[in-house]
C-alpha atoms as a PDB file:
ATOM      1  CA  MET A   1     -59.084  24.630   3.559  1.00  0.00           C
ATOM      2  CA  THR A   2     -61.576  25.921   0.932  1.00  0.00           C
ATOM      3  CA  VAL A   3     -61.041  29.368  -0.238  1.00  0.00           C
ATOM      4  CA  VAL A   4     -64.000  29.687  -2.556  1.00  0.00           C
ATOM      5  CA  ARG A   5     -67.258  29.260  -1.319  1.00  0.00           C
ATOM      6  CA  THR A   6     -70.363  28.509  -3.488  1.00  0.00           C
ATOM      7  CA  GLY A   7     -74.092  29.386  -2.888  1.00  0.00           C
ATOM      8  CA  HIS A   8     -77.174  29.262  -5.204  1.00  0.00           C
ATOM      9  CA  GLU A   9     -80.407  31.170  -5.199  1.00  0.00           C
ATOM     10  CA  ARG A  10     -83.165  31.470  -7.979  1.00  0.00           C
ATOM     11  CA  GLY A  11     -80.799  30.897 -10.925  1.00  0.00           C
ATOM     12  CA  VAL A  12     -77.740  32.847  -9.655  1.00  0.00           C
ATOM     13  CA  THR A  13     -74.763  31.065  -8.413  1.00  0.00           C
ATOM     14  CA  THR A  14     -72.582  33.189  -5.934  1.00  0.00           C
ATOM     15  CA  LEU A  15     -68.941  32.487  -5.806  1.00  0.00           C
ATOM     16  CA  THR A  16     -67.375  33.936  -2.623  1.00  0.00           C
ATOM     17  CA  LEU A  17     -63.543  34.470  -2.260  1.00  0.00           C
ATOM     18  CA  ASP A  18     -62.983  33.543   1.360  1.00  0.00           C
ATOM     19  CA  SER A  19     -59.310  33.864   2.225  1.00  0.00           C
ATOM     20  CA  PRO A  20     -59.551  36.981   4.531  1.00  0.00           C
ATOM     21  CA  ALA A  21     -56.255  36.271   6.237  1.00  0.00           C
ATOM     22  CA  THR A  22     -54.636  36.814   2.775  1.00  0.00           C
ATOM     23  CA  ARG A  23     -57.150  39.475   1.812  1.00  0.00           C
ATOM     24  CA  ASN A  24     -58.294  37.222  -0.846  1.00  0.00           C
ATOM     25  CA  ALA A  25     -54.918  37.299  -2.667  1.00  0.00           C
ATOM     26  CA  LEU A  26     -54.374  35.469  -5.837  1.00  0.00           C
ATOM     27  CA  SER A  27     -52.715  32.255  -4.621  1.00  0.00           C
ATOM     28  CA  ALA A  28     -52.480  29.056  -6.613  1.00  0.00           C
ATOM     29  CA  ALA A  29     -55.020  27.577  -4.527  1.00  0.00           C
ATOM     30  CA  LEU A  30     -57.527  30.466  -4.914  1.00  0.00           C
ATOM     31  CA  VAL A  31     -57.029  30.578  -8.699  1.00  0.00           C
ATOM     32  CA  GLY A  32     -57.465  26.852  -9.069  1.00  0.00           C
ATOM     33  CA  GLU A  33     -60.633  26.547  -6.848  1.00  0.00           C
ATOM     34  CA  LEU A  34     -62.234  29.703  -8.628  1.00  0.00           C
ATOM     35  CA  ALA A  35     -61.406  27.978 -12.065  1.00  0.00           C
ATOM     36  CA  ASP A  36     -62.988  24.802 -11.061  1.00  0.00           C
ATOM     37  CA  ALA A  37     -66.103  26.524  -9.501  1.00  0.00           C
ATOM     38  CA  LEU A  38     -66.582  28.468 -12.776  1.00  0.00           C
ATOM     39  CA  THR A  39     -66.207  25.230 -14.894  1.00  0.00           C
ATOM     40  CA  ARG A  40     -69.075  23.757 -12.778  1.00  0.00           C
ATOM     41  CA  CYS A  41     -71.153  26.852 -13.348  1.00  0.00           C
ATOM     42  CA  GLY A  42     -70.694  26.547 -17.100  1.00  0.00           C
ATOM     43  CA  LYS A  43     -72.031  23.145 -17.052  1.00  0.00           C
ATOM     44  CA  ASP A  44     -74.922  23.686 -14.845  1.00  0.00           C
ATOM     45  CA  GLY A  45     -78.091  24.289 -16.770  1.00  0.00           C
ATOM     46  CA  ASP A  46     -79.729  25.755 -13.641  1.00  0.00           C
ATOM     47  CA  VAL A  47     -77.018  28.582 -13.492  1.00  0.00           C
ATOM     48  CA  ARG A  48     -78.593  31.702 -15.241  1.00  0.00           C
ATOM     49  CA  ALA A  49     -75.584  34.000 -13.925  1.00  0.00           C
ATOM     50  CA  VAL A  50     -72.759  34.061 -11.715  1.00  0.00           C
ATOM     51  CA  VAL A  51     -71.897  36.666  -8.979  1.00  0.00           C
ATOM     52  CA  LEU A  52     -68.320  36.883  -7.898  1.00  0.00           C
ATOM     53  CA  THR A  53     -67.936  38.376  -4.249  1.00  0.00           C
ATOM     54  CA  HIS A  54     -65.724  38.280  -1.167  1.00  0.00           C
ATOM     55  CA  THR A  55     -65.560  38.041   2.542  1.00  0.00           C
ATOM     56  CA  GLY A  56     -63.654  40.661   4.539  1.00  0.00           C
ATOM     57  CA  ASN A  57     -62.809  44.186   3.558  1.00  0.00           C
ATOM     58  CA  THR A  58     -60.979  43.282   0.443  1.00  0.00           C
ATOM     59  CA  PHE A  59     -62.310  41.731  -2.832  1.00  0.00           C
ATOM     60  CA  CYS A  60     -58.872  40.884  -3.816  1.00  0.00           C
ATOM     61  CA  ALA A  61     -55.459  42.322  -2.956  1.00  0.00           C
ATOM     62  CA  GLY A  62     -53.606  41.016  -6.184  1.00  0.00           C
ATOM     63  CA  ALA A  63     -51.117  38.413  -6.512  1.00  0.00           C
ATOM     64  CA  ASP A  64     -50.031  36.335  -3.512  1.00  0.00           C
ATOM     65  CA  LEU A  65     -46.424  37.030  -3.341  1.00  0.00           C
ATOM     66  CA  ARG A  66     -45.929  34.095  -1.151  1.00  0.00           C
ATOM     67  CA  ASP A  67     -47.701  31.548  -3.292  1.00  0.00           C
ATOM     68  CA  PRO A  68     -48.425  33.036  -6.639  1.00  0.00           C
ATOM     69  CA  PRO A  69     -50.114  31.101  -9.454  1.00  0.00           C
ATOM     70  CA  PRO A  70     -48.373  30.437 -12.725  1.00  0.00           C
ATOM     71  CA  PRO A  71     -48.962  33.311 -15.077  1.00  0.00           C
ATOM     72  CA  GLU A  72     -50.561  30.867 -17.388  1.00  0.00           C
ATOM     73  CA  ALA A  73     -53.005  29.870 -14.756  1.00  0.00           C
ATOM     74  CA  PHE A  74     -54.260  33.366 -14.086  1.00  0.00           C
ATOM     75  CA  VAL A  75     -54.372  34.208 -17.753  1.00  0.00           C
ATOM     76  CA  GLY A  76     -56.567  30.986 -18.097  1.00  0.00           C
ATOM     77  CA  LEU A  77     -58.771  32.070 -15.321  1.00  0.00           C
ATOM     78  CA  LEU A  78     -59.383  35.442 -16.854  1.00  0.00           C
ATOM     79  CA  ARG A  79     -60.240  33.925 -20.223  1.00  0.00           C
ATOM     80  CA  GLN A  80     -62.492  31.506 -18.558  1.00  0.00           C
ATOM     81  CA  ILE A  81     -64.592  34.410 -17.126  1.00  0.00           C
ATOM     82  CA  VAL A  82     -64.622  36.060 -20.357  1.00  0.00           C
ATOM     83  CA  GLU A  83     -65.762  32.895 -22.280  1.00  0.00           C
ATOM     84  CA  LEU A  84     -68.218  31.420 -19.526  1.00  0.00           C
ATOM     85  CA  PRO A  85     -71.633  31.076 -21.286  1.00  0.00           C
ATOM     86  CA  ARG A  86     -73.129  32.983 -18.461  1.00  0.00           C
ATOM     87  CA  PRO A  87     -73.030  36.576 -17.430  1.00  0.00           C
ATOM     88  CA  VAL A  88     -70.526  37.110 -14.582  1.00  0.00           C
ATOM     89  CA  VAL A  89     -71.181  39.877 -12.230  1.00  0.00           C
ATOM     90  CA  ALA A  90     -68.609  41.197  -9.778  1.00  0.00           C
ATOM     91  CA  ARG A  91     -70.015  42.615  -6.407  1.00  0.00           C
ATOM     92  CA  VAL A  92     -67.399  44.761  -4.700  1.00  0.00           C
ATOM     93  CA  ALA A  93     -67.723  45.962  -1.127  1.00  0.00           C
ATOM     94  CA  GLY A  94     -64.131  46.467  -0.387  1.00  0.00           C
ATOM     95  CA  HIS A  95     -60.664  47.141  -1.693  1.00  0.00           C
ATOM     96  CA  VAL A  96     -59.273  45.880  -5.059  1.00  0.00           C
ATOM     97  CA  ARG A  97     -55.694  45.849  -6.017  1.00  0.00           C
ATOM     98  CA  ALA A  98     -53.378  44.935  -8.855  1.00  0.00           C
ATOM     99  CA  GLY A  99     -54.514  41.497 -10.073  1.00  0.00           C
ATOM    100  CA  GLY A 100     -58.049  41.851  -8.472  1.00  0.00           C
ATOM    101  CA  LEU A 101     -58.633  44.483 -11.086  1.00  0.00           C
ATOM    102  CA  GLY A 102     -58.093  41.990 -13.643  1.00  0.00           C
ATOM    103  CA  LEU A 103     -60.992  39.862 -12.393  1.00  0.00           C
ATOM    104  CA  LEU A 104     -63.305  42.833 -12.536  1.00  0.00           C
ATOM    105  CA  GLY A 105     -62.129  43.625 -16.034  1.00  0.00           C
ATOM    106  CA  ALA A 106     -62.904  40.060 -17.088  1.00  0.00           C
ATOM    107  CA  CYS A 107     -66.435  40.270 -15.596  1.00  0.00           C
ATOM    108  CA  ASP A 108     -69.336  41.349 -17.733  1.00  0.00           C
ATOM    109  CA  ILE A 109     -70.778  43.816 -15.063  1.00  0.00           C
ATOM    110  CA  ALA A 110     -69.224  44.983 -11.850  1.00  0.00           C
ATOM    111  CA  VAL A 111     -70.997  46.945  -9.090  1.00  0.00           C
ATOM    112  CA  ALA A 112     -69.342  48.622  -6.139  1.00  0.00           C
ATOM    113  CA  GLY A 113     -70.255  49.989  -2.861  1.00  0.00           C
ATOM    114  CA  GLU A 114     -69.095  53.056  -0.891  1.00  0.00           C
ATOM    115  CA  ALA A 115     -66.274  51.285   0.764  1.00  0.00           C
ATOM    116  CA  ALA A 116     -64.674  50.191  -2.484  1.00  0.00           C
ATOM    117  CA  SER A 117     -61.350  51.391  -3.432  1.00  0.00           C
ATOM    118  CA  PHE A 118     -59.047  50.502  -6.297  1.00  0.00           C
ATOM    119  CA  ALA A 119     -55.360  50.761  -7.260  1.00  0.00           C
ATOM    120  CA  PHE A 120     -53.007  49.417  -9.856  1.00  0.00           C
ATOM    121  CA  THR A 121     -50.119  48.890  -7.538  1.00  0.00           C
ATOM    122  CA  GLU A 122     -47.885  47.012  -9.787  1.00  0.00           C
ATOM    123  CA  VAL A 123     -45.551  49.747 -10.767  1.00  0.00           C
ATOM    124  CA  ARG A 124     -44.823  50.350  -6.994  1.00  0.00           C
ATOM    125  CA  ILE A 125     -43.408  46.920  -6.636  1.00  0.00           C
ATOM    126  CA  GLY A 126     -41.200  46.852  -9.768  1.00  0.00           C
ATOM    127  CA  VAL A 127     -43.677  44.927 -12.116  1.00  0.00           C
ATOM    128  CA  ALA A 128     -46.258  45.984 -14.696  1.00  0.00           C
ATOM    129  CA  PRO A 129     -50.186  45.315 -15.087  1.00  0.00           C
ATOM    130  CA  ALA A 130     -49.246  42.995 -17.940  1.00  0.00           C
ATOM    131  CA  VAL A 131     -51.745  40.088 -18.117  1.00  0.00           C
ATOM    132  CA  ILE A 132     -54.675  41.858 -16.438  1.00  0.00           C
ATOM    133  CA  SER A 133     -54.534  44.244 -19.459  1.00  0.00           C
ATOM    134  CA  LEU A 134     -55.946  41.526 -21.612  1.00  0.00           C
ATOM    135  CA  PRO A 135     -59.504  42.215 -20.441  1.00  0.00           C
ATOM    136  CA  LEU A 136     -58.859  45.779 -19.244  1.00  0.00           C
ATOM    137  CA  LEU A 137     -57.547  47.482 -22.184  1.00  0.00           C
ATOM    138  CA  PRO A 138     -60.512  46.879 -24.458  1.00  0.00           C
ATOM    139  CA  ARG A 139     -63.066  47.854 -21.808  1.00  0.00           C
ATOM    140  CA  THR A 140     -61.803  50.991 -20.089  1.00  0.00           C
ATOM    141  CA  ASP A 141     -60.877  54.650 -20.813  1.00  0.00           C
ATOM    142  CA  PRO A 142     -57.348  54.770 -22.028  1.00  0.00           C
ATOM    143  CA  ARG A 143     -56.439  58.084 -20.416  1.00  0.00           C
ATOM    144  CA  ALA A 144     -57.632  57.121 -17.101  1.00  0.00           C
ATOM    145  CA  LEU A 145     -56.073  53.877 -17.261  1.00  0.00           C
ATOM    146  CA  ALA A 146     -52.773  55.433 -18.194  1.00  0.00           C
ATOM    147  CA  ARG A 147     -52.791  57.660 -15.132  1.00  0.00           C
ATOM    148  CA  TYR A 148     -53.632  54.826 -12.626  1.00  0.00           C
ATOM    149  CA  TYR A 149     -51.322  52.259 -14.330  1.00  0.00           C
ATOM    150  CA  LEU A 150     -48.480  54.741 -14.242  1.00  0.00           C
ATOM    151  CA  THR A 151     -48.891  56.158 -10.836  1.00  0.00           C
ATOM    152  CA  GLY A 152     -50.381  53.417  -8.655  1.00  0.00           C
ATOM    153  CA  GLU A 153     -52.683  56.019  -7.087  1.00  0.00           C
ATOM    154  CA  ARG A 154     -55.866  54.877  -5.257  1.00  0.00           C
ATOM    155  CA  PHE A 155     -59.385  55.824  -6.579  1.00  0.00           C
ATOM    156  CA  ASP A 156     -62.815  55.452  -5.391  1.00  0.00           C
ATOM    157  CA  ALA A 157     -66.109  53.833  -6.616  1.00  0.00           C
ATOM    158  CA  PRO A 158     -67.306  56.804  -8.650  1.00  0.00           C
ATOM    159  CA  GLU A 159     -64.045  57.285 -10.405  1.00  0.00           C
ATOM    160  CA  ALA A 160     -64.043  53.569 -11.205  1.00  0.00           C
ATOM    161  CA  VAL A 161     -67.353  53.969 -12.994  1.00  0.00           C
ATOM    162  CA  ARG A 162     -66.046  57.008 -14.887  1.00  0.00           C
ATOM    163  CA  THR A 163     -63.078  54.998 -16.049  1.00  0.00           C
ATOM    164  CA  GLY A 164     -65.307  52.019 -17.184  1.00  0.00           C
ATOM    165  CA  LEU A 165     -63.661  49.670 -14.697  1.00  0.00           C
ATOM    166  CA  VAL A 166     -67.088  49.534 -12.723  1.00  0.00           C
ATOM    167  CA  THR A 167     -70.680  49.495 -14.192  1.00  0.00           C
ATOM    168  CA  ALA A 168     -72.486  51.165 -11.463  1.00  0.00           C
ATOM    169  CA  ALA A 169     -71.782  52.144  -7.734  1.00  0.00           C
ATOM    170  CA  GLY A 170     -73.887  53.370  -4.794  1.00  0.00           C
ATOM    171  CA  ASP A 171     -73.877  53.555  -0.984  1.00  0.00           C
ATOM    172  CA  ASP A 172     -75.412  50.116  -0.704  1.00  0.00           C
ATOM    173  CA  VAL A 173     -73.916  47.663  -3.062  1.00  0.00           C
ATOM    174  CA  ASP A 174     -76.576  45.110  -2.869  1.00  0.00           C
ATOM    175  CA  ALA A 175     -79.238  47.882  -3.749  1.00  0.00           C
ATOM    176  CA  VAL A 176     -77.199  48.425  -6.772  1.00  0.00           C
ATOM    177  CA  LEU A 177     -76.880  44.832  -7.574  1.00  0.00           C
ATOM    178  CA  ALA A 178     -80.564  43.988  -7.177  1.00  0.00           C
ATOM    179  CA  PRO A 179     -81.967  45.418 -10.524  1.00  0.00           C
ATOM    180  CA  VAL A 180     -79.023  43.782 -12.229  1.00  0.00           C
ATOM    181  CA  LEU A 181     -79.896  40.264 -11.106  1.00  0.00           C
ATOM    182  CA  ASP A 182     -83.618  40.787 -11.528  1.00  0.00           C
ATOM    183  CA  GLY A 183     -82.744  41.611 -15.240  1.00  0.00           C
ATOM    184  CA  LEU A 184     -80.664  38.546 -15.611  1.00  0.00           C
ATOM    185  CA  ARG A 185     -83.242  36.368 -14.081  1.00  0.00           C
ATOM    186  CA  ARG A 186     -85.778  37.692 -16.596  1.00  0.00           C
ATOM    187  CA  SER A 187     -83.577  36.956 -19.572  1.00  0.00           C
ATOM    188  CA  ALA A 188     -83.626  33.703 -21.691  1.00  0.00           C
ATOM    189  CA  PRO A 189     -80.475  31.608 -20.949  1.00  0.00           C
ATOM    190  CA  GLU A 190     -79.490  31.087 -24.741  1.00  0.00           C
ATOM    191  CA  ALA A 191     -80.117  34.631 -25.565  1.00  0.00           C
ATOM    192  CA  LEU A 192     -77.808  35.761 -22.550  1.00  0.00           C
ATOM    193  CA  ALA A 193     -74.999  33.352 -23.878  1.00  0.00           C
ATOM    194  CA  GLU A 194     -75.267  34.757 -27.502  1.00  0.00           C
ATOM    195  CA  THR A 195     -75.361  38.378 -26.235  1.00  0.00           C
ATOM    196  CA  LYS A 196     -72.396  37.754 -24.025  1.00  0.00           C
ATOM    197  CA  ALA A 197     -70.549  36.319 -27.060  1.00  0.00           C
ATOM    198  CA  LEU A 198     -71.216  39.533 -28.993  1.00  0.00           C
ATOM    199  CA  LEU A 199     -70.038  41.735 -26.088  1.00  0.00           C
ATOM    200  CA  THR A 200     -66.770  39.767 -25.546  1.00  0.00           C
ATOM    201  CA  ALA A 201     -65.675  39.204 -29.070  1.00  0.00           C
ATOM    202  CA  LYS A 202     -63.251  42.047 -29.116  1.00  0.00           C
ATOM    203  CA  VAL A 203     -61.845  40.980 -25.675  1.00  0.00           C
ATOM    204  CA  LEU A 204     -61.129  37.581 -26.872  1.00  0.00           C
ATOM    205  CA  GLU A 205     -59.369  38.844 -29.910  1.00  0.00           C
ATOM    206  CA  THR A 206     -57.071  40.630 -27.460  1.00  0.00           C
ATOM    207  CA  PHE A 207     -56.442  37.352 -25.531  1.00  0.00           C
ATOM    208  CA  ASP A 208     -55.675  35.552 -28.910  1.00  0.00           C
ATOM    209  CA  ARG A 209     -53.198  38.239 -30.073  1.00  0.00           C
ATOM    210  CA  ASP A 210     -51.438  39.212 -26.829  1.00  0.00           C
ATOM    211  CA  ALA A 211     -51.832  36.557 -24.215  1.00  0.00           C
ATOM    212  CA  ALA A 212     -48.484  34.904 -24.943  1.00  0.00           C
ATOM    213  CA  ASP A 213     -46.500  37.929 -25.134  1.00  0.00           C
ATOM    214  CA  LEU A 214     -47.907  39.516 -21.845  1.00  0.00           C
ATOM    215  CA  THR A 215     -47.593  36.214 -19.949  1.00  0.00           C
ATOM    216  CA  ALA A 216     -43.881  36.231 -20.866  1.00  0.00           C
ATOM    217  CA  LEU A 217     -43.616  39.904 -19.938  1.00  0.00           C
ATOM    218  CA  SER A 218     -45.294  39.231 -16.542  1.00  0.00           C
ATOM    219  CA  ALA A 219     -42.884  36.201 -15.850  1.00  0.00           C
ATOM    220  CA  ARG A 220     -39.667  38.186 -16.777  1.00  0.00           C
ATOM    221  CA  LEU A 221     -40.579  41.213 -14.637  1.00  0.00           C
ATOM    222  CA  PHE A 222     -41.667  39.106 -11.681  1.00  0.00           C
ATOM    223  CA  SER A 223     -38.151  37.289 -11.818  1.00  0.00           C
ATOM    224  CA  SER A 224     -36.226  40.616 -11.951  1.00  0.00           C
ATOM    225  CA  ALA A 225     -33.995  42.149  -9.425  1.00  0.00           C
ATOM    226  CA  GLN A 226     -36.227  45.279  -9.401  1.00  0.00           C
ATOM    227  CA  ALA A 227     -39.332  43.033  -8.608  1.00  0.00           C
ATOM    228  CA  ARG A 228     -37.429  41.239  -5.765  1.00  0.00           C
ATOM    229  CA  GLU A 229     -36.429  44.563  -4.201  1.00  0.00           C
ATOM    230  CA  GLY A 230     -40.048  45.919  -4.570  1.00  0.00           C
ATOM    231  CA  MET A 231     -41.623  42.604  -3.090  1.00  0.00           C
ATOM    232  CA  THR A 232     -39.091  42.561  -0.258  1.00  0.00           C
ATOM    233  CA  ALA A 233     -39.886  46.239   0.553  1.00  0.00           C
ATOM    234  CA  PHE A 234     -43.555  45.488   0.448  1.00  0.00           C
ATOM    235  CA  LEU A 235     -43.345  42.495   2.766  1.00  0.00           C
ATOM    236  CA  GLU A 236     -40.884  44.609   5.105  1.00  0.00           C
ATOM    237  CA  ARG A 237     -43.282  47.556   4.905  1.00  0.00           C
ATOM    238  CA  ARG A 238     -40.671  50.011   3.722  1.00  0.00           C
ATOM    239  CA  ASP A 239     -40.113  52.060   0.678  1.00  0.00           C
ATOM    240  CA  PRO A 240     -38.133  50.280  -2.115  1.00  0.00           C
ATOM    241  CA  ALA A 241     -34.719  51.583  -3.065  1.00  0.00           C
ATOM    242  CA  TRP A 242     -35.887  53.515  -6.126  1.00  0.00           C
ATOM    243  CA  VAL A 243     -38.159  56.009  -4.199  1.00  0.00           C
ATOM    244  CA  VAL A 244     -36.836  59.480  -4.334  1.00  0.00           C
END
């Protein structure tokens, strides 16, 4: 079953995460299909920009605990979004959790609607937001990130804008998105690619410096006894043993 759908209109290719049964969780299949779709977009001269969106009420619920991708594959996907010679715009009309926030951080622009909500839930299942920090730390407010990384609290779209996680938000996500896409369609393709390269240079430096260490950290934490308890508790819909 295909879990990433592709559409194209007036220079903009839309990649839709379409696994509502798993809340668009980052499974090995979804990560692989999205990477393949982005590769095709990068080679297609008719693609001026890419929109990354979703079906259902969840943009992405984070890692699929039943079928997680290898950490290296997810890091590769994040870097692919950052390096793609086309602007990538996230369209969020629902919930985003954990690894899904890494997708937002990798995108060049992110817009959200009133139904969107966000949370870094890793600490609540016994792991850390390791590899998603590669695109997020260079682009977001460090004080705000510290609060939400450490507590796992949920926050709304206006707060996501304040932290730098989201570019713009409004009641109607497509009304917010429209002028963004209009601007991209009016921009020269080569100029867009070179401008994106200027904007992402510092992010790619973080990947070059920290990707191996953070990938190893992620793998170590996910294999720990604490993570096993946290993930089991999550699947059983109960509090983990450490909650006081």
